[in-house]
PDB file of N, CA and C in Angstrom:
ATOM      1  N   UNK A   1     -11.815  14.420 -11.619  1.00  0.00           N
ATOM      2  CA  UNK A   1     -10.689  13.637 -11.147  1.00  0.00           C
ATOM      3  C   UNK A   1     -10.360  12.577 -12.215  1.00  0.00           C
ATOM      4  N   UNK A   2      -9.132  12.572 -12.681  1.00  0.00           N
ATOM      5  CA  UNK A   2      -8.711  11.606 -13.677  1.00  0.00           C
ATOM      6  C   UNK A   2      -8.006  10.454 -12.975  1.00  0.00           C
ATOM      7  N   UNK A   3      -8.635   9.274 -12.977  1.00  0.00           N
ATOM      8  CA  UNK A   3      -8.081   8.137 -12.252  1.00  0.00           C
ATOM      9  C   UNK A   3      -6.702   7.728 -12.743  1.00  0.00           C
ATOM     10  N   UNK A   4      -6.471   7.837 -14.059  1.00  0.00           N
ATOM     11  CA  UNK A   4      -5.159   7.455 -14.605  1.00  0.00           C
ATOM     12  C   UNK A   4      -4.070   8.367 -14.048  1.00  0.00           C
ATOM     13  N   UNK A   5      -4.335   9.669 -14.038  1.00  0.00           N
ATOM     14  CA  UNK A   5      -3.351  10.614 -13.498  1.00  0.00           C
ATOM     15  C   UNK A   5      -3.172  10.378 -12.003  1.00  0.00           C
ATOM     16  N   UNK A   6      -4.261  10.134 -11.287  1.00  0.00           N
ATOM     17  CA  UNK A   6      -4.169   9.861  -9.854  1.00  0.00           C
ATOM     18  C   UNK A   6      -3.329   8.618  -9.593  1.00  0.00           C
ATOM     19  N   UNK A   7      -3.519   7.577 -10.401  1.00  0.00           N
ATOM     20  CA  UNK A   7      -2.763   6.340 -10.230  1.00  0.00           C
ATOM     21  C   UNK A   7      -1.281   6.577 -10.508  1.00  0.00           C
ATOM     22  N   UNK A   8      -0.978   7.276 -11.588  1.00  0.00           N
ATOM     23  CA  UNK A   8       0.422   7.580 -11.912  1.00  0.00           C
ATOM     24  C   UNK A   8       1.059   8.416 -10.807  1.00  0.00           C
ATOM     25  N   UNK A   9       0.330   9.376 -10.275  1.00  0.00           N
ATOM     26  CA  UNK A   9       0.854  10.214  -9.188  1.00  0.00           C
ATOM     27  C   UNK A   9       1.128   9.394  -7.942  1.00  0.00           C
ATOM     28  N   UNK A  10       0.217   8.480  -7.618  1.00  0.00           N
ATOM     29  CA  UNK A  10       0.392   7.636  -6.437  1.00  0.00           C
ATOM     30  C   UNK A  10       1.603   6.722  -6.605  1.00  0.00           C
ATOM     31  N   UNK A  11       1.814   6.220  -7.814  1.00  0.00           N
ATOM     32  CA  UNK A  11       2.986   5.378  -8.067  1.00  0.00           C
ATOM     33  C   UNK A  11       4.260   6.205  -7.914  1.00  0.00           C
ATOM     34  N   UNK A  12       4.264   7.401  -8.470  1.00  0.00           N
ATOM     35  CA  UNK A  12       5.454   8.244  -8.374  1.00  0.00           C
ATOM     36  C   UNK A  12       5.750   8.639  -6.925  1.00  0.00           C
ATOM     37  N   UNK A  13       4.711   8.831  -6.127  1.00  0.00           N
ATOM     38  CA  UNK A  13       4.927   9.172  -4.719  1.00  0.00           C
ATOM     39  C   UNK A  13       5.635   8.051  -3.954  1.00  0.00           C
ATOM     40  N   UNK A  14       5.479   6.825  -4.427  1.00  0.00           N
ATOM     41  CA  UNK A  14       6.154   5.708  -3.757  1.00  0.00           C
ATOM     42  C   UNK A  14       7.670   5.893  -3.805  1.00  0.00           C
ATOM     43  N   UNK A  15       8.169   6.527  -4.861  1.00  0.00           N
ATOM     44  CA  UNK A  15       9.615   6.762  -4.969  1.00  0.00           C
ATOM     45  C   UNK A  15      10.099   7.775  -3.948  1.00  0.00           C
ATOM     46  N   UNK A  16       9.189   8.555  -3.394  1.00  0.00           N
ATOM     47  CA  UNK A  16       9.571   9.556  -2.404  1.00  0.00           C
ATOM     48  C   UNK A  16      10.229   8.915  -1.190  1.00  0.00           C
ATOM     49  N   UNK A  17       9.842   7.682  -0.860  1.00  0.00           N
ATOM     50  CA  UNK A  17      10.436   6.995   0.282  1.00  0.00           C
ATOM     51  C   UNK A  17      11.934   6.844   0.091  1.00  0.00           C
ATOM     52  N   UNK A  18      12.350   6.514  -1.115  1.00  0.00           N
ATOM     53  CA  UNK A  18      13.780   6.403  -1.404  1.00  0.00           C
ATOM     54  C   UNK A  18      14.482   7.746  -1.182  1.00  0.00           C
ATOM     55  N   UNK A  19      13.849   8.829  -1.620  1.00  0.00           N
ATOM     56  CA  UNK A  19      14.417  10.162  -1.409  1.00  0.00           C
ATOM     57  C   UNK A  19      14.480  10.498   0.078  1.00  0.00           C
ATOM     58  N   UNK A  20      13.457  10.088   0.833  1.00  0.00           N
ATOM     59  CA  UNK A  20      13.446  10.329   2.279  1.00  0.00           C
ATOM     60  C   UNK A  20      14.618   9.607   2.954  1.00  0.00           C
ATOM     61  N   UNK A  21      14.860   8.373   2.549  1.00  0.00           N
ATOM     62  CA  UNK A  21      15.967   7.601   3.124  1.00  0.00           C
ATOM     63  C   UNK A  21      17.302   8.233   2.739  1.00  0.00           C
ATOM     64  N   UNK A  22      17.431   8.679   1.485  1.00  0.00           N
ATOM     65  CA  UNK A  22      18.661   9.359   1.062  1.00  0.00           C
ATOM     66  C   UNK A  22      18.916  10.601   1.913  1.00  0.00           C
ATOM     67  N   UNK A  23      17.867  11.372   2.159  1.00  0.00           N
ATOM     68  CA  UNK A  23      18.003  12.581   2.972  1.00  0.00           C
ATOM     69  C   UNK A  23      18.447  12.235   4.392  1.00  0.00           C
ATOM     70  N   UNK A  24      17.825  11.235   4.984  1.00  0.00           N
ATOM     71  CA  UNK A  24      18.211  10.816   6.331  1.00  0.00           C
ATOM     72  C   UNK A  24      19.663  10.352   6.351  1.00  0.00           C
ATOM     73  N   UNK A  25      20.048   9.541   5.375  1.00  0.00           N
ATOM     74  CA  UNK A  25      21.428   9.030   5.312  1.00  0.00           C
ATOM     75  C   UNK A  25      22.422  10.182   5.170  1.00  0.00           C
ATOM     76  N   UNK A  26      22.119  11.124   4.273  1.00  0.00           N
ATOM     77  CA  UNK A  26      23.011  12.267   4.068  1.00  0.00           C
ATOM     78  C   UNK A  26      23.134  13.081   5.341  1.00  0.00           C
ATOM     79  N   UNK A  27      22.009  13.349   5.983  1.00  0.00           N
ATOM     80  CA  UNK A  27      22.050  14.113   7.236  1.00  0.00           C
ATOM     81  C   UNK A  27      22.801  13.337   8.314  1.00  0.00           C
ATOM     82  N   UNK A  28      22.537  12.052   8.418  1.00  0.00           N
ATOM     83  CA  UNK A  28      23.182  11.216   9.439  1.00  0.00           C
ATOM     84  C   UNK A  28      24.701  11.184   9.238  1.00  0.00           C
ATOM     85  N   UNK A  29      25.138  11.063   7.981  1.00  0.00           N
ATOM     86  CA  UNK A  29      26.573  10.913   7.731  1.00  0.00           C
ATOM     87  C   UNK A  29      27.323  12.240   7.656  1.00  0.00           C
ATOM     88  N   UNK A  30      26.618  13.340   7.325  1.00  0.00           N
ATOM     89  CA  UNK A  30      27.301  14.619   7.121  1.00  0.00           C
ATOM     90  C   UNK A  30      27.038  15.663   8.198  1.00  0.00           C
ATOM     91  N   UNK A  31      26.128  15.405   9.095  1.00  0.00           N
ATOM     92  CA  UNK A  31      25.760  16.414  10.094  1.00  0.00           C
ATOM     93  C   UNK A  31      26.939  16.693  11.036  1.00  0.00           C
ATOM     94  N   UNK A  32      27.151  17.968  11.359  1.00  0.00           N
ATOM     95  CA  UNK A  32      28.251  18.296  12.275  1.00  0.00           C
ATOM     96  C   UNK A  32      28.024  17.719  13.675  1.00  0.00           C
ATOM     97  N   UNK A  33      26.765  17.648  14.070  1.00  0.00           N
ATOM     98  CA  UNK A  33      26.431  17.050  15.370  1.00  0.00           C
ATOM     99  C   UNK A  33      25.754  15.714  15.086  1.00  0.00           C
ATOM    100  N   UNK A  34      26.330  14.602  15.572  1.00  0.00           N
ATOM    101  CA  UNK A  34      25.747  13.283  15.278  1.00  0.00           C
ATOM    102  C   UNK A  34      24.318  13.154  15.818  1.00  0.00           C
ATOM    103  N   UNK A  35      23.525  12.416  15.081  1.00  0.00           N
ATOM    104  CA  UNK A  35      22.160  12.137  15.536  1.00  0.00           C
ATOM    105  C   UNK A  35      22.226  11.089  16.644  1.00  0.00           C
ATOM    106  N   UNK A  36      21.329  11.211  17.598  1.00  0.00           N
ATOM    107  CA  UNK A  36      21.251  10.193  18.642  1.00  0.00           C
ATOM    108  C   UNK A  36      20.505   8.973  18.094  1.00  0.00           C
ATOM    109  N   UNK A  37      20.607   7.866  18.811  1.00  0.00           N
ATOM    110  CA  UNK A  37      19.855   6.671  18.403  1.00  0.00           C
ATOM    111  C   UNK A  37      18.366   6.963  18.368  1.00  0.00           C
ATOM    112  N   UNK A  38      17.872   7.719  19.331  1.00  0.00           N
ATOM    113  CA  UNK A  38      16.451   8.069  19.370  1.00  0.00           C
ATOM    114  C   UNK A  38      16.044   8.908  18.162  1.00  0.00           C
ATOM    115  N   UNK A  39      16.898   9.845  17.768  1.00  0.00           N
ATOM    116  CA  UNK A  39      16.584  10.677  16.599  1.00  0.00           C
ATOM    117  C   UNK A  39      16.543   9.838  15.321  1.00  0.00           C
ATOM    118  N   UNK A  40      17.498   8.920  15.186  1.00  0.00           N
ATOM    119  CA  UNK A  40      17.519   8.040  14.019  1.00  0.00           C
ATOM    120  C   UNK A  40      16.278   7.151  14.015  1.00  0.00           C
ATOM    121  N   UNK A  41      15.958   6.571  15.170  1.00  0.00           N
ATOM    122  CA  UNK A  41      14.787   5.696  15.267  1.00  0.00           C
ATOM    123  C   UNK A  41      13.505   6.462  14.947  1.00  0.00           C
ATOM    124  N   UNK A  42      13.385   7.669  15.470  1.00  0.00           N
ATOM    125  CA  UNK A  42      12.206   8.491  15.216  1.00  0.00           C
ATOM    126  C   UNK A  42      12.089   8.813  13.722  1.00  0.00           C
ATOM    127  N   UNK A  43      13.211   9.171  13.099  1.00  0.00           N
ATOM    128  CA  UNK A  43      13.201   9.477  11.669  1.00  0.00           C
ATOM    129  C   UNK A  43      12.805   8.248  10.857  1.00  0.00           C
ATOM    130  N   UNK A  44      13.370   7.094  11.200  1.00  0.00           N
ATOM    131  CA  UNK A  44      13.038   5.868  10.470  1.00  0.00           C
ATOM    132  C   UNK A  44      11.570   5.490  10.642  1.00  0.00           C
ATOM    133  N   UNK A  45      11.055   5.621  11.854  1.00  0.00           N
ATOM    134  CA  UNK A  45       9.645   5.315  12.087  1.00  0.00           C
ATOM    135  C   UNK A  45       8.742   6.290  11.326  1.00  0.00           C
ATOM    136  N   UNK A  46       9.159   7.550  11.230  1.00  0.00           N
ATOM    137  CA  UNK A  46       8.396   8.529  10.458  1.00  0.00           C
ATOM    138  C   UNK A  46       8.385   8.184   8.973  1.00  0.00           C
ATOM    139  N   UNK A  47       9.543   7.794   8.452  1.00  0.00           N
ATOM    140  CA  UNK A  47       9.617   7.393   7.039  1.00  0.00           C
ATOM    141  C   UNK A  47       8.746   6.171   6.800  1.00  0.00           C
ATOM    142  N   UNK A  48       8.790   5.208   7.726  1.00  0.00           N
ATOM    143  CA  UNK A  48       7.967   4.006   7.591  1.00  0.00           C
ATOM    144  C   UNK A  48       6.482   4.364   7.587  1.00  0.00           C
ATOM    145  N   UNK A  49       6.079   5.243   8.506  1.00  0.00           N
ATOM    146  CA  UNK A  49       4.664   5.642   8.584  1.00  0.00           C
ATOM    147  C   UNK A  49       4.222   6.335   7.299  1.00  0.00           C
ATOM    148  N   UNK A  50       5.062   7.215   6.763  1.00  0.00           N
ATOM    149  CA  UNK A  50       4.721   7.879   5.502  1.00  0.00           C
ATOM    150  C   UNK A  50       4.641   6.878   4.359  1.00  0.00           C
ATOM    151  N   UNK A  51       5.562   5.913   4.330  1.00  0.00           N
ATOM    152  CA  UNK A  51       5.522   4.893   3.284  1.00  0.00           C
ATOM    153  C   UNK A  51       4.243   4.062   3.377  1.00  0.00           C
ATOM    154  N   UNK A  52       3.848   3.718   4.597  1.00  0.00           N
ATOM    155  CA  UNK A  52       2.603   2.967   4.781  1.00  0.00           C
ATOM    156  C   UNK A  52       1.402   3.752   4.246  1.00  0.00           C
ATOM    157  N   UNK A  53       1.372   5.064   4.516  1.00  0.00           N
ATOM    158  CA  UNK A  53       0.290   5.910   4.018  1.00  0.00           C
ATOM    159  C   UNK A  53       0.307   5.982   2.492  1.00  0.00           C
ATOM    160  N   UNK A  54       1.500   6.099   1.916  1.00  0.00           N
ATOM    161  CA  UNK A  54       1.611   6.130   0.453  1.00  0.00           C
ATOM    162  C   UNK A  54       1.134   4.813  -0.147  1.00  0.00           C
ATOM    163  N   UNK A  55       1.505   3.686   0.476  1.00  0.00           N
ATOM    164  CA  UNK A  55       1.064   2.374  -0.016  1.00  0.00           C
ATOM    165  C   UNK A  55      -0.456   2.258   0.039  1.00  0.00           C
ATOM    166  N   UNK A  56      -1.047   2.720   1.125  1.00  0.00           N
ATOM    167  CA  UNK A  56      -2.496   2.673   1.259  1.00  0.00           C
ATOM    168  C   UNK A  56      -3.163   3.531   0.176  1.00  0.00           C
ATOM    169  N   UNK A  57      -2.623   4.729  -0.046  1.00  0.00           N
ATOM    170  CA  UNK A  57      -3.187   5.618  -1.061  1.00  0.00           C
ATOM    171  C   UNK A  57      -3.054   4.994  -2.449  1.00  0.00           C
ATOM    172  N   UNK A  58      -1.922   4.370  -2.722  1.00  0.00           N
ATOM    173  CA  UNK A  58      -1.722   3.725  -4.020  1.00  0.00           C
ATOM    174  C   UNK A  58      -2.707   2.576  -4.206  1.00  0.00           C
ATOM    175  N   UNK A  59      -2.852   1.756  -3.185  1.00  0.00           N
ATOM    176  CA  UNK A  59      -3.779   0.632  -3.255  1.00  0.00           C
ATOM    177  C   UNK A  59      -5.212   1.110  -3.469  1.00  0.00           C
ATOM    178  N   UNK A  60      -5.598   2.155  -2.760  1.00  0.00           N
ATOM    179  CA  UNK A  60      -6.948   2.694  -2.890  1.00  0.00           C
ATOM    180  C   UNK A  60      -7.172   3.290  -4.286  1.00  0.00           C
ATOM    181  N   UNK A  61      -6.192   4.008  -4.793  1.00  0.00           N
ATOM    182  CA  UNK A  61      -6.309   4.593  -6.129  1.00  0.00           C
ATOM    183  C   UNK A  61      -6.401   3.504  -7.184  1.00  0.00           C
ATOM    184  N   UNK A  62      -5.610   2.445  -7.027  1.00  0.00           N
ATOM    185  CA  UNK A  62      -5.644   1.308  -7.952  1.00  0.00           C
ATOM    186  C   UNK A  62      -7.029   0.654  -7.939  1.00  0.00           C
ATOM    187  N   UNK A  63      -7.561   0.431  -6.735  1.00  0.00           N
ATOM    188  CA  UNK A  63      -8.888  -0.186  -6.606  1.00  0.00           C
ATOM    189  C   UNK A  63      -9.960   0.698  -7.231  1.00  0.00           C
ATOM    190  N   UNK A  64      -9.839   1.995  -7.046  1.00  0.00           N
ATOM    191  CA  UNK A  64     -10.815   2.927  -7.618  1.00  0.00           C
ATOM    192  C   UNK A  64     -10.719   2.922  -9.147  1.00  0.00           C
ATOM    193  N   UNK A  65      -9.486   2.936  -9.676  1.00  0.00           N
ATOM    194  CA  UNK A  65      -9.280   2.976 -11.131  1.00  0.00           C
ATOM    195  C   UNK A  65      -9.862   1.733 -11.801  1.00  0.00           C
ATOM    196  N   UNK A  66      -9.660   0.566 -11.207  1.00  0.00           N
ATOM    197  CA  UNK A  66     -10.109  -0.681 -11.826  1.00  0.00           C
ATOM    198  C   UNK A  66     -11.398  -1.219 -11.208  1.00  0.00           C
ATOM    199  N   UNK A  67     -12.078  -0.354 -10.439  1.00  0.00           N
ATOM    200  CA  UNK A  67     -13.370  -0.679  -9.834  1.00  0.00           C
ATOM    201  C   UNK A  67     -13.321  -2.009  -9.080  1.00  0.00           C
ATOM    202  N   UNK A  68     -12.386  -2.082  -8.160  1.00  0.00           N
ATOM    203  CA  UNK A  68     -12.227  -3.273  -7.334  1.00  0.00           C
ATOM    204  C   UNK A  68     -12.789  -3.001  -5.944  1.00  0.00           C
ATOM    205  N   UNK A  69     -12.946  -4.069  -5.188  1.00  0.00           N
ATOM    206  CA  UNK A  69     -13.396  -3.979  -3.800  1.00  0.00           C
ATOM    207  C   UNK A  69     -14.677  -3.156  -3.685  1.00  0.00           C
ATOM    208  N   UNK A  70     -14.679  -2.166  -2.805  1.00  0.00           N
ATOM    209  CA  UNK A  70     -15.903  -1.401  -2.566  1.00  0.00           C
ATOM    210  C   UNK A  70     -16.252  -0.455  -3.710  1.00  0.00           C
ATOM    211  N   UNK A  71     -15.353  -0.291  -4.667  1.00  0.00           N
ATOM    212  CA  UNK A  71     -15.608   0.601  -5.803  1.00  0.00           C
ATOM    213  C   UNK A  71     -16.282  -0.108  -6.974  1.00  0.00           C
ATOM    214  N   UNK A  72     -16.463  -1.401  -6.874  1.00  0.00           N
ATOM    215  CA  UNK A  72     -17.073  -2.168  -7.962  1.00  0.00           C
ATOM    216  C   UNK A  72     -18.583  -1.941  -7.965  1.00  0.00           C
ATOM    217  N   UNK A  73     -19.114  -1.576  -9.144  1.00  0.00           N
ATOM    218  CA  UNK A  73     -20.555  -1.362  -9.283  1.00  0.00           C
ATOM    219  C   UNK A  73     -21.157  -2.248 -10.372  1.00  0.00           C
ATOM    220  N   UNK A  74     -20.326  -2.972 -11.097  1.00  0.00           N
ATOM    221  CA  UNK A  74     -20.779  -3.823 -12.201  1.00  0.00           C
ATOM    222  C   UNK A  74     -21.422  -5.090 -11.624  1.00  0.00           C
ATOM    223  N   UNK A  75     -22.717  -5.318 -11.870  1.00  0.00           N
ATOM    224  CA  UNK A  75     -23.401  -6.484 -11.303  1.00  0.00           C
ATOM    225  C   UNK A  75     -22.764  -7.811 -11.729  1.00  0.00           C
ATOM    226  N   UNK A  76     -22.268  -7.892 -12.961  1.00  0.00           N
ATOM    227  CA  UNK A  76     -21.624  -9.133 -13.413  1.00  0.00           C
ATOM    228  C   UNK A  76     -20.343  -9.408 -12.643  1.00  0.00           C
ATOM    229  N   UNK A  77     -19.542  -8.364 -12.461  1.00  0.00           N
ATOM    230  CA  UNK A  77     -18.295  -8.528 -11.692  1.00  0.00           C
ATOM    231  C   UNK A  77     -18.600  -8.899 -10.247  1.00  0.00           C
ATOM    232  N   UNK A  78     -19.596  -8.247  -9.674  1.00  0.00           N
ATOM    233  CA  UNK A  78     -19.959  -8.553  -8.284  1.00  0.00           C
ATOM    234  C   UNK A  78     -20.436  -9.994  -8.149  1.00  0.00           C
ATOM    235  N   UNK A  79     -21.234 -10.466  -9.105  1.00  0.00           N
ATOM    236  CA  UNK A  79     -21.723 -11.847  -9.075  1.00  0.00           C
ATOM    237  C   UNK A  79     -20.563 -12.829  -9.237  1.00  0.00           C
ATOM    238  N   UNK A  80     -19.649 -12.523 -10.163  1.00  0.00           N
ATOM    239  CA  UNK A  80     -18.491 -13.400 -10.371  1.00  0.00           C
ATOM    240  C   UNK A  80     -17.621 -13.435  -9.120  1.00  0.00           C
ATOM    241  N   UNK A  81     -17.447 -12.283  -8.478  1.00  0.00           N
ATOM    242  CA  UNK A  81     -16.646 -12.225  -7.253  1.00  0.00           C
ATOM    243  C   UNK A  81     -17.312 -13.037  -6.140  1.00  0.00           C
ATOM    244  N   UNK A  82     -18.629 -12.941  -6.027  1.00  0.00           N
ATOM    245  CA  UNK A  82     -19.348 -13.714  -5.014  1.00  0.00           C
ATOM    246  C   UNK A  82     -19.230 -15.215  -5.284  1.00  0.00           C
ATOM    247  N   UNK A  83     -19.341 -15.611  -6.548  1.00  0.00           N
ATOM    248  CA  UNK A  83     -19.181 -17.026  -6.906  1.00  0.00           C
ATOM    249  C   UNK A  83     -17.784 -17.521  -6.578  1.00  0.00           C
ATOM    250  N   UNK A  84     -16.787 -16.713  -6.924  1.00  0.00           N
ATOM    251  CA  UNK A  84     -15.402 -17.086  -6.639  1.00  0.00           C
ATOM    252  C   UNK A  84     -15.188 -17.247  -5.137  1.00  0.00           C
ATOM    253  N   UNK A  85     -15.714 -16.300  -4.369  1.00  0.00           N
ATOM    254  CA  UNK A  85     -15.553 -16.361  -2.919  1.00  0.00           C
ATOM    255  C   UNK A  85     -16.266 -17.589  -2.343  1.00  0.00           C
ATOM    256  N   UNK A  86     -17.452 -17.887  -2.841  1.00  0.00           N
ATOM    257  CA  UNK A  86     -18.178 -19.079  -2.393  1.00  0.00           C
ATOM    258  C   UNK A  86     -17.388 -20.346  -2.705  1.00  0.00           C
ATOM    259  N   UNK A  87     -16.768 -20.417  -3.874  1.00  0.00           N
ATOM    260  CA  UNK A  87     -15.951 -21.578  -4.233  1.00  0.00           C
ATOM    261  C   UNK A  87     -14.759 -21.738  -3.294  1.00  0.00           C
ATOM    262  N   UNK A  88     -14.126 -20.647  -2.955  1.00  0.00           N
ATOM    263  CA  UNK A  88     -12.988 -20.696  -2.023  1.00  0.00           C
ATOM    264  C   UNK A  88     -13.455 -21.196  -0.660  1.00  0.00           C
ATOM    265  N   UNK A  89     -14.572 -20.676  -0.178  1.00  0.00           N
ATOM    266  CA  UNK A  89     -15.098 -21.119   1.119  1.00  0.00           C
ATOM    267  C   UNK A  89     -15.415 -22.611   1.104  1.00  0.00           C
ATOM    268  N   UNK A  90     -15.996 -23.081   0.022  1.00  0.00           N
ATOM    269  CA  UNK A  90     -16.313 -24.507  -0.086  1.00  0.00           C
ATOM    270  C   UNK A  90     -15.046 -25.355  -0.089  1.00  0.00           C
ATOM    271  N   UNK A  91     -14.003 -24.902  -0.756  1.00  0.00           N
ATOM    272  CA  UNK A  91     -12.730 -25.628  -0.765  1.00  0.00           C
ATOM    273  C   UNK A  91     -12.145 -25.716   0.642  1.00  0.00           C
ATOM    274  N   UNK A  92     -12.194 -24.621   1.355  1.00  0.00           N
ATOM    275  CA  UNK A  92     -11.665 -24.596   2.715  1.00  0.00           C
ATOM    276  C   UNK A  92     -12.464 -25.534   3.609  1.00  0.00           C
ATOM    277  N   UNK A  93     -13.777 -25.524   3.493  1.00  0.00           N
ATOM    278  CA  UNK A  93     -14.624 -26.402   4.300  1.00  0.00           C
ATOM    279  C   UNK A  93     -14.343 -27.878   3.973  1.00  0.00           C
ATOM    280  N   UNK A  94     -14.154 -28.162   2.689  1.00  0.00           N
ATOM    281  CA  UNK A  94     -13.865 -29.541   2.265  1.00  0.00           C
ATOM    282  C   UNK A  94     -12.539 -30.011   2.841  1.00  0.00           C
ATOM    283  N   UNK A  95     -11.537 -29.150   2.795  1.00  0.00           N
ATOM    284  CA  UNK A  95     -10.210 -29.515   3.323  1.00  0.00           C
ATOM    285  C   UNK A  95     -10.262 -29.726   4.825  1.00  0.00           C
ATOM    286  N   UNK A  96     -11.035 -28.927   5.521  1.00  0.00           N
ATOM    287  CA  UNK A  96     -11.143 -29.064   6.980  1.00  0.00           C
ATOM    288  C   UNK A  96     -11.839 -30.373   7.345  1.00  0.00           C
ATOM    289  N   UNK A  97     -12.822 -30.779   6.568  1.00  0.00           N
ATOM    290  CA  UNK A  97     -13.535 -32.027   6.837  1.00  0.00           C
ATOM    291  C   UNK A  97     -12.631 -33.227   6.637  1.00  0.00           C
ATOM    292  N   UNK A  98     -11.676 -33.148   5.695  1.00  0.00           N
ATOM    293  CA  UNK A  98     -10.775 -34.250   5.424  1.00  0.00           C
ATOM    294  C   UNK A  98      -9.765 -34.470   6.533  1.00  0.00           C
ATOM    295  N   UNK A  99      -9.486 -33.437   7.307  1.00  0.00           N
ATOM    296  CA  UNK A  99      -8.472 -33.542   8.380  1.00  0.00           C
ATOM    297  C   UNK A  99      -8.971 -34.325   9.530  1.00  0.00           C
TER     298      UNK A  99
END
């Protein structure tokens, strides 16, 4: 599995949403029998659900490519991330105490 190709593919799939909307618009405006409100709503919700799945896949592929989140195995990066997170928590605790 080539992460670079997977990432490029996931990015290109994001453009599919635009094509899906174009198809719906063309069908809605040119169909001999008008779509009902329910049909339009169902189509839009389907496009939204597919876009959400594409976004999730893109985010996951990006994280895998750059070894982020659960894909990180580098002990130095993990230690730096833990330090950063601890600093953020301390800042939040300090701000809450001041209130």
